[in-house]
Amino acid sequence: MAQLRDAAEEYRKHNTLIVIAGPDSPEAFKKVWNKEGLSFIGLPDPSHSVLKTYGQEVNLFKLGRMPAQVLVDSKGFVRFVHYGHSMADIPSNEEVLSLIAAL
């Protein structure tokens, strides 16, 4: 989330809305959002309905949900998906912003 937080203004310049879905309760999300000063949307997903919709992997040996980035265009079509194999395996902001620019 820090990577996205650091580039939030660049995403806004590209008219891109960032939504972070996580397994925590609404209360836990609110606490993290307030502590970290995050300016994008946090979507609590304790029932894993978003996880199941987008095929995000859960690996208990690697502490739960693996990172997944999904780029959905303004018409609701998935244009890019990256499923990470570790918490460090996520595309760079530059890569995602170039994909957005190409849409």
PDB file of N, CA and C in Angstrom:
ATOM      1  N   MET A   1       0.809  -1.189   0.000  1.00  0.00           N
ATOM      2  CA  MET A   1       0.000   0.000   0.000  1.00  0.00           C
ATOM      3  C   MET A   1       0.855   1.256   0.000  1.00  0.00           C
ATOM      4  N   ALA A   2       2.039   1.159   0.590  1.00  0.00           N
ATOM      5  CA  ALA A   2       2.911   2.331   0.626  1.00  0.00           C
ATOM      6  C   ALA A   2       3.306   2.753  -0.784  1.00  0.00           C
ATOM      7  N   GLN A   3       3.544   1.776  -1.652  1.00  0.00           N
ATOM      8  CA  GLN A   3       3.905   2.086  -3.036  1.00  0.00           C
ATOM      9  C   GLN A   3       2.789   2.882  -3.710  1.00  0.00           C
ATOM     10  N   LEU A   4       1.565   2.447  -3.522  1.00  0.00           N
ATOM     11  CA  LEU A   4       0.428   3.153  -4.113  1.00  0.00           C
ATOM     12  C   LEU A   4       0.227   4.516  -3.460  1.00  0.00           C
ATOM     13  N   ARG A   5       0.391   4.572  -2.135  1.00  0.00           N
ATOM     14  CA  ARG A   5       0.255   5.843  -1.418  1.00  0.00           C
ATOM     15  C   ARG A   5       1.250   6.866  -1.961  1.00  0.00           C
ATOM     16  N   ASP A   6       2.473   6.429  -2.186  1.00  0.00           N
ATOM     17  CA  ASP A   6       3.514   7.334  -2.645  1.00  0.00           C
ATOM     18  C   ASP A   6       3.249   7.882  -4.041  1.00  0.00           C
ATOM     19  N   ALA A   7       2.480   7.173  -4.851  1.00  0.00           N
ATOM     20  CA  ALA A   7       2.196   7.603  -6.221  1.00  0.00           C
ATOM     21  C   ALA A   7       0.730   7.978  -6.420  1.00  0.00           C
ATOM     22  N   ALA A   8       0.008   8.177  -5.337  1.00  0.00           N
ATOM     23  CA  ALA A   8      -1.437   8.441  -5.436  1.00  0.00           C
ATOM     24  C   ALA A   8      -1.735   9.629  -6.341  1.00  0.00           C
ATOM     25  N   GLU A   9      -0.950  10.676  -6.274  1.00  0.00           N
ATOM     26  CA  GLU A   9      -1.197  11.864  -7.104  1.00  0.00           C
ATOM     27  C   GLU A   9      -1.025  11.536  -8.585  1.00  0.00           C
ATOM     28  N   GLU A  10      -0.049  10.710  -8.928  1.00  0.00           N
ATOM     29  CA  GLU A  10       0.143  10.309 -10.326  1.00  0.00           C
ATOM     30  C   GLU A  10      -1.067   9.521 -10.832  1.00  0.00           C
ATOM     31  N   TYR A  11      -1.597   8.650 -10.003  1.00  0.00           N
ATOM     32  CA  TYR A  11      -2.790   7.893 -10.394  1.00  0.00           C
ATOM     33  C   TYR A  11      -3.977   8.836 -10.597  1.00  0.00           C
ATOM     34  N   ARG A  12      -4.113   9.819  -9.703  1.00  0.00           N
ATOM     35  CA  ARG A  12      -5.203  10.796  -9.864  1.00  0.00           C
ATOM     36  C   ARG A  12      -5.065  11.566 -11.172  1.00  0.00           C
ATOM     37  N   LYS A  13      -3.843  11.913 -11.546  1.00  0.00           N
ATOM     38  CA  LYS A  13      -3.604  12.625 -12.814  1.00  0.00           C
ATOM     39  C   LYS A  13      -4.065  11.795 -14.008  1.00  0.00           C
ATOM     40  N   HIS A  14      -4.054  10.477 -13.851  1.00  0.00           N
ATOM     41  CA  HIS A  14      -4.503   9.563 -14.910  1.00  0.00           C
ATOM     42  C   HIS A  14      -5.969   9.169 -14.726  1.00  0.00           C
ATOM     43  N   ASN A  15      -6.695   9.915 -13.887  1.00  0.00           N
ATOM     44  CA  ASN A  15      -8.117   9.627 -13.610  1.00  0.00           C
ATOM     45  C   ASN A  15      -8.334   8.181 -13.185  1.00  0.00           C
ATOM     46  N   THR A  16      -7.455   7.706 -12.318  1.00  0.00           N
ATOM     47  CA  THR A  16      -7.500   6.324 -11.865  1.00  0.00           C
ATOM     48  C   THR A  16      -7.895   6.266 -10.402  1.00  0.00           C
ATOM     49  N   LEU A  17      -8.877   5.469 -10.105  1.00  0.00           N
ATOM     50  CA  LEU A  17      -9.352   5.257  -8.749  1.00  0.00           C
ATOM     51  C   LEU A  17      -8.674   4.013  -8.198  1.00  0.00           C
ATOM     52  N   ILE A  18      -8.059   4.137  -7.037  1.00  0.00           N
ATOM     53  CA  ILE A  18      -7.401   3.002  -6.387  1.00  0.00           C
ATOM     54  C   ILE A  18      -8.336   2.462  -5.310  1.00  0.00           C
ATOM     55  N   VAL A  19      -8.559   1.162  -5.356  1.00  0.00           N
ATOM     56  CA  VAL A  19      -9.361   0.479  -4.348  1.00  0.00           C
ATOM     57  C   VAL A  19      -8.527  -0.686  -3.823  1.00  0.00           C
ATOM     58  N   ILE A  20      -8.349  -0.732  -2.522  1.00  0.00           N
ATOM     59  CA  ILE A  20      -7.609  -1.820  -1.890  1.00  0.00           C
ATOM     60  C   ILE A  20      -8.609  -2.702  -1.156  1.00  0.00           C
ATOM     61  N   ALA A  21      -8.678  -3.971  -1.535  1.00  0.00           N
ATOM     62  CA  ALA A  21      -9.536  -4.934  -0.850  1.00  0.00           C
ATOM     63  C   ALA A  21      -8.659  -5.795   0.046  1.00  0.00           C
ATOM     64  N   GLY A  22      -9.131  -6.017   1.250  1.00  0.00           N
ATOM     65  CA  GLY A  22      -8.376  -6.831   2.190  1.00  0.00           C
ATOM     66  C   GLY A  22      -9.293  -7.643   3.074  1.00  0.00           C
ATOM     67  N   PRO A  23      -8.746  -8.640   3.759  1.00  0.00           N
ATOM     68  CA  PRO A  23      -9.564  -9.579   4.528  1.00  0.00           C
ATOM     69  C   PRO A  23     -10.031  -9.052   5.878  1.00  0.00           C
ATOM     70  N   ASP A  24      -9.659  -7.834   6.214  1.00  0.00           N
ATOM     71  CA  ASP A  24      -9.938  -7.315   7.545  1.00  0.00           C
ATOM     72  C   ASP A  24     -11.355  -6.778   7.690  1.00  0.00           C
ATOM     73  N   SER A  25     -11.745  -6.574   8.919  1.00  0.00           N
ATOM     74  CA  SER A  25     -13.052  -6.005   9.237  1.00  0.00           C
ATOM     75  C   SER A  25     -13.059  -4.512   8.907  1.00  0.00           C
ATOM     76  N   PRO A  26     -14.241  -3.909   8.784  1.00  0.00           N
ATOM     77  CA  PRO A  26     -14.303  -2.464   8.544  1.00  0.00           C
ATOM     78  C   PRO A  26     -13.570  -1.664   9.616  1.00  0.00           C
ATOM     79  N   GLU A  27     -13.664  -2.095  10.861  1.00  0.00           N
ATOM     80  CA  GLU A  27     -12.990  -1.384  11.954  1.00  0.00           C
ATOM     81  C   GLU A  27     -11.469  -1.438  11.792  1.00  0.00           C
ATOM     82  N   ALA A  28     -10.951  -2.602  11.442  1.00  0.00           N
ATOM     83  CA  ALA A  28      -9.505  -2.749  11.245  1.00  0.00           C
ATOM     84  C   ALA A  28      -9.033  -1.913  10.062  1.00  0.00           C
ATOM     85  N   PHE A  29      -9.812  -1.903   8.989  1.00  0.00           N
ATOM     86  CA  PHE A  29      -9.462  -1.084   7.826  1.00  0.00           C
ATOM     87  C   PHE A  29      -9.397   0.383   8.207  1.00  0.00           C
ATOM     88  N   LYS A  30     -10.395   0.850   8.925  1.00  0.00           N
ATOM     89  CA  LYS A  30     -10.446   2.258   9.320  1.00  0.00           C
ATOM     90  C   LYS A  30      -9.222   2.626  10.153  1.00  0.00           C
ATOM     91  N   LYS A  31      -8.837   1.749  11.046  1.00  0.00           N
ATOM     92  CA  LYS A  31      -7.671   1.995  11.898  1.00  0.00           C
ATOM     93  C   LYS A  31      -6.399   2.139  11.057  1.00  0.00           C
ATOM     94  N   VAL A  32      -6.196   1.219  10.114  1.00  0.00           N
ATOM     95  CA  VAL A  32      -5.012   1.277   9.246  1.00  0.00           C
ATOM     96  C   VAL A  32      -5.050   2.526   8.368  1.00  0.00           C
ATOM     97  N   TRP A  33      -6.202   2.821   7.787  1.00  0.00           N
ATOM     98  CA  TRP A  33      -6.324   3.986   6.902  1.00  0.00           C
ATOM     99  C   TRP A  33      -6.012   5.273   7.659  1.00  0.00           C
ATOM    100  N   ASN A  34      -6.514   5.391   8.869  1.00  0.00           N
ATOM    101  CA  ASN A  34      -6.238   6.575   9.671  1.00  0.00           C
ATOM    102  C   ASN A  34      -4.767   6.655  10.065  1.00  0.00           C
ATOM    103  N   LYS A  35      -4.190   5.536  10.465  1.00  0.00           N
ATOM    104  CA  LYS A  35      -2.785   5.503  10.889  1.00  0.00           C
ATOM    105  C   LYS A  35      -1.843   5.849   9.733  1.00  0.00           C
ATOM    106  N   GLU A  36      -2.120   5.286   8.550  1.00  0.00           N
ATOM    107  CA  GLU A  36      -1.234   5.453   7.401  1.00  0.00           C
ATOM    108  C   GLU A  36      -1.562   6.689   6.553  1.00  0.00           C
ATOM    109  N   GLY A  37      -2.691   7.327   6.809  1.00  0.00           N
ATOM    110  CA  GLY A  37      -3.076   8.504   6.029  1.00  0.00           C
ATOM    111  C   GLY A  37      -3.318   8.178   4.558  1.00  0.00           C
ATOM    112  N   LEU A  38      -3.997   7.093   4.290  1.00  0.00           N
ATOM    113  CA  LEU A  38      -4.226   6.648   2.915  1.00  0.00           C
ATOM    114  C   LEU A  38      -5.372   7.430   2.290  1.00  0.00           C
ATOM    115  N   SER A  39      -5.174   7.839   1.049  1.00  0.00           N
ATOM    116  CA  SER A  39      -6.175   8.678   0.379  1.00  0.00           C
ATOM    117  C   SER A  39      -7.037   7.902  -0.605  1.00  0.00           C
ATOM    118  N   PHE A  40      -6.840   6.600  -0.708  1.00  0.00           N
ATOM    119  CA  PHE A  40      -7.655   5.820  -1.618  1.00  0.00           C
ATOM    120  C   PHE A  40      -8.652   4.976  -0.839  1.00  0.00           C
ATOM    121  N   ILE A  41      -9.476   4.244  -1.550  1.00  0.00           N
ATOM    122  CA  ILE A  41     -10.587   3.509  -0.948  1.00  0.00           C
ATOM    123  C   ILE A  41     -10.105   2.173  -0.381  1.00  0.00           C
ATOM    124  N   GLY A  42     -10.515   1.895   0.840  1.00  0.00           N
ATOM    125  CA  GLY A  42     -10.265   0.606   1.464  1.00  0.00           C
ATOM    126  C   GLY A  42     -11.554  -0.190   1.493  1.00  0.00           C
ATOM    127  N   LEU A  43     -11.527  -1.377   0.956  1.00  0.00           N
ATOM    128  CA  LEU A  43     -12.717  -2.216   0.870  1.00  0.00           C
ATOM    129  C   LEU A  43     -12.532  -3.454   1.748  1.00  0.00           C
ATOM    130  N   PRO A  44     -13.131  -3.463   2.929  1.00  0.00           N
ATOM    131  CA  PRO A  44     -13.029  -4.655   3.771  1.00  0.00           C
ATOM    132  C   PRO A  44     -13.703  -5.845   3.067  1.00  0.00           C
ATOM    133  N   ASP A  45     -13.023  -6.975   3.079  1.00  0.00           N
ATOM    134  CA  ASP A  45     -13.538  -8.167   2.393  1.00  0.00           C
ATOM    135  C   ASP A  45     -13.378  -9.401   3.283  1.00  0.00           C
ATOM    136  N   PRO A  46     -13.926  -9.358   4.509  1.00  0.00           N
ATOM    137  CA  PRO A  46     -13.733 -10.514   5.395  1.00  0.00           C
ATOM    138  C   PRO A  46     -14.394 -11.790   4.896  1.00  0.00           C
ATOM    139  N   SER A  47     -15.397 -11.680   4.033  1.00  0.00           N
ATOM    140  CA  SER A  47     -16.042 -12.884   3.481  1.00  0.00           C
ATOM    141  C   SER A  47     -15.332 -13.393   2.224  1.00  0.00           C
ATOM    142  N   HIS A  48     -14.300 -12.676   1.779  1.00  0.00           N
ATOM    143  CA  HIS A  48     -13.490 -13.057   0.624  1.00  0.00           C
ATOM    144  C   HIS A  48     -14.253 -13.041  -0.702  1.00  0.00           C
ATOM    145  N   SER A  49     -15.342 -12.302  -0.786  1.00  0.00           N
ATOM    146  CA  SER A  49     -16.119 -12.275  -2.025  1.00  0.00           C
ATOM    147  C   SER A  49     -15.355 -11.593  -3.157  1.00  0.00           C
ATOM    148  N   VAL A  50     -14.613 -10.527  -2.855  1.00  0.00           N
ATOM    149  CA  VAL A  50     -13.805  -9.872  -3.892  1.00  0.00           C
ATOM    150  C   VAL A  50     -12.658 -10.785  -4.288  1.00  0.00           C
ATOM    151  N   LEU A  51     -12.017 -11.391  -3.295  1.00  0.00           N
ATOM    152  CA  LEU A  51     -10.933 -12.336  -3.546  1.00  0.00           C
ATOM    153  C   LEU A  51     -11.380 -13.422  -4.517  1.00  0.00           C
ATOM    154  N   LYS A  52     -12.537 -13.994  -4.281  1.00  0.00           N
ATOM    155  CA  LYS A  52     -13.039 -15.068  -5.134  1.00  0.00           C
ATOM    156  C   LYS A  52     -13.385 -14.556  -6.529  1.00  0.00           C
ATOM    157  N   THR A  53     -13.941 -13.367  -6.620  1.00  0.00           N
ATOM    158  CA  THR A  53     -14.316 -12.802  -7.921  1.00  0.00           C
ATOM    159  C   THR A  53     -13.114 -12.628  -8.820  1.00  0.00           C
ATOM    160  N   TYR A  54     -12.013 -12.153  -8.267  1.00  0.00           N
ATOM    161  CA  TYR A  54     -10.830 -11.862  -9.078  1.00  0.00           C
ATOM    162  C   TYR A  54      -9.759 -12.941  -9.004  1.00  0.00           C
ATOM    163  N   GLY A  55     -10.026 -14.045  -8.330  1.00  0.00           N
ATOM    164  CA  GLY A  55      -9.108 -15.176  -8.330  1.00  0.00           C
ATOM    165  C   GLY A  55      -7.838 -14.969  -7.538  1.00  0.00           C
ATOM    166  N   GLN A  56      -7.901 -14.131  -6.516  1.00  0.00           N
ATOM    167  CA  GLN A  56      -6.715 -13.890  -5.700  1.00  0.00           C
ATOM    168  C   GLN A  56      -6.378 -15.142  -4.904  1.00  0.00           C
ATOM    169  N   GLU A  57      -5.094 -15.471  -4.833  1.00  0.00           N
ATOM    170  CA  GLU A  57      -4.630 -16.683  -4.167  1.00  0.00           C
ATOM    171  C   GLU A  57      -4.475 -16.469  -2.664  1.00  0.00           C
ATOM    172  N   VAL A  58      -4.808 -17.493  -1.917  1.00  0.00           N
ATOM    173  CA  VAL A  58      -4.518 -17.525  -0.488  1.00  0.00           C
ATOM    174  C   VAL A  58      -3.499 -18.634  -0.277  1.00  0.00           C
ATOM    175  N   ASN A  59      -2.394 -18.292   0.384  1.00  0.00           N
ATOM    176  CA  ASN A  59      -1.340 -19.264   0.647  1.00  0.00           C
ATOM    177  C   ASN A  59      -0.984 -19.148   2.124  1.00  0.00           C
ATOM    178  N   LEU A  60      -1.463 -20.081   2.920  1.00  0.00           N
ATOM    179  CA  LEU A  60      -1.254 -20.011   4.360  1.00  0.00           C
ATOM    180  C   LEU A  60       0.216 -20.100   4.750  1.00  0.00           C
ATOM    181  N   PHE A  61       1.037 -20.713   3.902  1.00  0.00           N
ATOM    182  CA  PHE A  61       2.461 -20.805   4.195  1.00  0.00           C
ATOM    183  C   PHE A  61       3.162 -19.465   3.981  1.00  0.00           C
ATOM    184  N   LYS A  62       2.508 -18.548   3.274  1.00  0.00           N
ATOM    185  CA  LYS A  62       3.085 -17.227   3.018  1.00  0.00           C
ATOM    186  C   LYS A  62       2.228 -16.127   3.662  1.00  0.00           C
ATOM    187  N   LEU A  63       1.604 -16.450   4.772  1.00  0.00           N
ATOM    188  CA  LEU A  63       0.861 -15.489   5.597  1.00  0.00           C
ATOM    189  C   LEU A  63      -0.436 -14.987   4.991  1.00  0.00           C
ATOM    190  N   GLY A  64      -1.119 -15.800   4.206  1.00  0.00           N
ATOM    191  CA  GLY A  64      -2.460 -15.428   3.758  1.00  0.00           C
ATOM    192  C   GLY A  64      -2.564 -15.061   2.296  1.00  0.00           C
ATOM    193  N   ARG A  65      -3.259 -13.955   2.025  1.00  0.00           N
ATOM    194  CA  ARG A  65      -3.509 -13.535   0.641  1.00  0.00           C
ATOM    195  C   ARG A  65      -2.221 -13.114  -0.047  1.00  0.00           C
ATOM    196  N   MET A  66      -2.056 -13.582  -1.249  1.00  0.00           N
ATOM    197  CA  MET A  66      -0.958 -13.129  -2.082  1.00  0.00           C
ATOM    198  C   MET A  66      -1.401 -11.833  -2.759  1.00  0.00           C
ATOM    199  N   PRO A  67      -0.468 -10.955  -3.065  1.00  0.00           N
ATOM    200  CA  PRO A  67      -0.871  -9.698  -3.695  1.00  0.00           C
ATOM    201  C   PRO A  67      -1.442  -9.936  -5.089  1.00  0.00           C
ATOM    202  N   ALA A  68      -2.411  -9.143  -5.427  1.00  0.00           N
ATOM    203  CA  ALA A  68      -2.992  -9.174  -6.767  1.00  0.00           C
ATOM    204  C   ALA A  68      -3.320  -7.744  -7.142  1.00  0.00           C
ATOM    205  N   GLN A  69      -2.978  -7.369  -8.356  1.00  0.00           N
ATOM    206  CA  GLN A  69      -3.353  -6.060  -8.872  1.00  0.00           C
ATOM    207  C   GLN A  69      -4.210  -6.286 -10.101  1.00  0.00           C
ATOM    208  N   VAL A  70      -5.357  -5.638 -10.106  1.00  0.00           N
ATOM    209  CA  VAL A  70      -6.308  -5.772 -11.203  1.00  0.00           C
ATOM    210  C   VAL A  70      -6.617  -4.368 -11.706  1.00  0.00           C
ATOM    211  N   LEU A  71      -6.454  -4.165 -12.997  1.00  0.00           N
ATOM    212  CA  LEU A  71      -6.761  -2.885 -13.625  1.00  0.00           C
ATOM    213  C   LEU A  71      -8.063  -3.055 -14.389  1.00  0.00           C
ATOM    214  N   VAL A  72      -9.082  -2.327 -13.940  1.00  0.00           N
ATOM    215  CA  VAL A  72     -10.414  -2.401 -14.537  1.00  0.00           C
ATOM    216  C   VAL A  72     -10.679  -1.066 -15.212  1.00  0.00           C
ATOM    217  N   ASP A  73     -11.098  -1.089 -16.476  1.00  0.00           N
ATOM    218  CA  ASP A  73     -11.323   0.173 -17.183  1.00  0.00           C
ATOM    219  C   ASP A  73     -12.664   0.785 -16.786  1.00  0.00           C
ATOM    220  N   SER A  74     -12.954   1.946 -17.317  1.00  0.00           N
ATOM    221  CA  SER A  74     -14.160   2.693 -16.935  1.00  0.00           C
ATOM    222  C   SER A  74     -15.454   1.990 -17.338  1.00  0.00           C
ATOM    223  N   LYS A  75     -15.355   0.990 -18.214  1.00  0.00           N
ATOM    224  CA  LYS A  75     -16.547   0.236 -18.625  1.00  0.00           C
ATOM    225  C   LYS A  75     -16.705  -1.060 -17.843  1.00  0.00           C
ATOM    226  N   GLY A  76     -15.770  -1.303 -16.910  1.00  0.00           N
ATOM    227  CA  GLY A  76     -15.855  -2.498 -16.078  1.00  0.00           C
ATOM    228  C   GLY A  76     -15.120  -3.705 -16.612  1.00  0.00           C
ATOM    229  N   PHE A  77     -14.328  -3.525 -17.677  1.00  0.00           N
ATOM    230  CA  PHE A  77     -13.568  -4.637 -18.244  1.00  0.00           C
ATOM    231  C   PHE A  77     -12.201  -4.740 -17.580  1.00  0.00           C
ATOM    232  N   VAL A  78     -11.826  -5.950 -17.215  1.00  0.00           N
ATOM    233  CA  VAL A  78     -10.499  -6.187 -16.661  1.00  0.00           C
ATOM    234  C   VAL A  78      -9.497  -6.072 -17.803  1.00  0.00           C
ATOM    235  N   ARG A  79      -8.529  -5.181 -17.640  1.00  0.00           N
ATOM    236  CA  ARG A  79      -7.546  -4.941 -18.696  1.00  0.00           C
ATOM    237  C   ARG A  79      -6.157  -5.472 -18.358  1.00  0.00           C
ATOM    238  N   PHE A  80      -5.905  -5.739 -17.084  1.00  0.00           N
ATOM    239  CA  PHE A  80      -4.600  -6.237 -16.655  1.00  0.00           C
ATOM    240  C   PHE A  80      -4.779  -6.900 -15.295  1.00  0.00           C
ATOM    241  N   VAL A  81      -4.116  -8.043 -15.108  1.00  0.00           N
ATOM    242  CA  VAL A  81      -4.114  -8.727 -13.813  1.00  0.00           C
ATOM    243  C   VAL A  81      -2.696  -9.206 -13.540  1.00  0.00           C
ATOM    244  N   HIS A  82      -2.245  -8.989 -12.334  1.00  0.00           N
ATOM    245  CA  HIS A  82      -0.960  -9.536 -11.891  1.00  0.00           C
ATOM    246  C   HIS A  82      -1.194 -10.226 -10.558  1.00  0.00           C
ATOM    247  N   TYR A  83      -0.908 -11.527 -10.504  1.00  0.00           N
ATOM    248  CA  TYR A  83      -0.989 -12.290  -9.275  1.00  0.00           C
ATOM    249  C   TYR A  83       0.429 -12.485  -8.759  1.00  0.00           C
ATOM    250  N   GLY A  84       0.712 -11.930  -7.597  1.00  0.00           N
ATOM    251  CA  GLY A  84       2.050 -12.036  -7.026  1.00  0.00           C
ATOM    252  C   GLY A  84       2.280 -13.374  -6.349  1.00  0.00           C
ATOM    253  N   HIS A  85       3.554 -13.759  -6.263  1.00  0.00           N
ATOM    254  CA  HIS A  85       3.941 -15.006  -5.610  1.00  0.00           C
ATOM    255  C   HIS A  85       4.493 -14.762  -4.212  1.00  0.00           C
ATOM    256  N   SER A  86       4.660 -13.480  -3.863  1.00  0.00           N
ATOM    257  CA  SER A  86       5.092 -13.090  -2.525  1.00  0.00           C
ATOM    258  C   SER A  86       4.613 -11.664  -2.300  1.00  0.00           C
ATOM    259  N   MET A  87       4.745 -11.189  -1.078  1.00  0.00           N
ATOM    260  CA  MET A  87       4.293  -9.834  -0.779  1.00  0.00           C
ATOM    261  C   MET A  87       5.138  -8.778  -1.498  1.00  0.00           C
ATOM    262  N   ALA A  88       6.310  -9.139  -1.957  1.00  0.00           N
ATOM    263  CA  ALA A  88       7.166  -8.203  -2.683  1.00  0.00           C
ATOM    264  C   ALA A  88       6.952  -8.260  -4.193  1.00  0.00           C
ATOM    265  N   ASP A  89       6.173  -9.190  -4.653  1.00  0.00           N
ATOM    266  CA  ASP A  89       5.976  -9.400  -6.090  1.00  0.00           C
ATOM    267  C   ASP A  89       4.776  -8.602  -6.584  1.00  0.00           C
ATOM    268  N   ILE A  90       5.011  -7.325  -6.830  1.00  0.00           N
ATOM    269  CA  ILE A  90       3.974  -6.454  -7.376  1.00  0.00           C
ATOM    270  C   ILE A  90       4.583  -5.581  -8.459  1.00  0.00           C
ATOM    271  N   PRO A  91       3.806  -5.244  -9.487  1.00  0.00           N
ATOM    272  CA  PRO A  91       4.336  -4.380 -10.543  1.00  0.00           C
ATOM    273  C   PRO A  91       4.655  -2.990  -9.988  1.00  0.00           C
ATOM    274  N   SER A  92       5.619  -2.349 -10.589  1.00  0.00           N
ATOM    275  CA  SER A  92       5.980  -0.998 -10.166  1.00  0.00           C
ATOM    276  C   SER A  92       4.887  -0.012 -10.565  1.00  0.00           C
ATOM    277  N   ASN A  93       4.860   1.118  -9.902  1.00  0.00           N
ATOM    278  CA  ASN A  93       3.926   2.180 -10.280  1.00  0.00           C
ATOM    279  C   ASN A  93       4.139   2.584 -11.729  1.00  0.00           C
ATOM    280  N   GLU A  94       5.376   2.656 -12.154  1.00  0.00           N
ATOM    281  CA  GLU A  94       5.686   3.058 -13.533  1.00  0.00           C
ATOM    282  C   GLU A  94       5.053   2.097 -14.536  1.00  0.00           C
ATOM    283  N   GLU A  95       5.141   0.800 -14.241  1.00  0.00           N
ATOM    284  CA  GLU A  95       4.559  -0.201 -15.144  1.00  0.00           C
ATOM    285  C   GLU A  95       3.042  -0.049 -15.209  1.00  0.00           C
ATOM    286  N   VAL A  96       2.407   0.096 -14.055  1.00  0.00           N
ATOM    287  CA  VAL A  96       0.947   0.210 -14.027  1.00  0.00           C
ATOM    288  C   VAL A  96       0.496   1.521 -14.685  1.00  0.00           C
ATOM    289  N   LEU A  97       1.197   2.610 -14.400  1.00  0.00           N
ATOM    290  CA  LEU A  97       0.841   3.887 -15.012  1.00  0.00           C
ATOM    291  C   LEU A  97       1.011   3.856 -16.524  1.00  0.00           C
ATOM    292  N   SER A  98       2.002   3.137 -17.025  1.00  0.00           N
ATOM    293  CA  SER A  98       2.153   3.042 -18.487  1.00  0.00           C
ATOM    294  C   SER A  98       1.027   2.216 -19.094  1.00  0.00           C
ATOM    295  N   LEU A  99       0.559   1.189 -18.386  1.00  0.00           N
ATOM    296  CA  LEU A  99      -0.606   0.423 -18.855  1.00  0.00           C
ATOM    297  C   LEU A  99      -1.854   1.300 -18.894  1.00  0.00           C
ATOM    298  N   ILE A 100      -2.027   2.122 -17.869  1.00  0.00           N
ATOM    299  CA  ILE A 100      -3.184   3.019 -17.824  1.00  0.00           C
ATOM    300  C   ILE A 100      -3.126   4.015 -18.974  1.00  0.00           C
ATOM    301  N   ALA A 101      -1.962   4.563 -19.201  1.00  0.00           N
ATOM    302  CA  ALA A 101      -1.795   5.545 -20.277  1.00  0.00           C
ATOM    303  C   ALA A 101      -2.108   4.945 -21.650  1.00  0.00           C
ATOM    304  N   ALA A 102      -1.869   3.630 -21.800  1.00  0.00           N
ATOM    305  CA  ALA A 102      -2.092   2.957 -23.083  1.00  0.00           C
ATOM    306  C   ALA A 102      -3.565   2.618 -23.326  1.00  0.00           C
ATOM    307  N   LEU A 103      -4.405   2.740 -22.314  1.00  0.00           N
ATOM    308  CA  LEU A 103      -5.818   2.386 -22.488  1.00  0.00           C
ATOM    309  C   LEU A 103      -6.546   3.385 -23.360  1.00  0.00           C
TER     310      LEU A 103
END
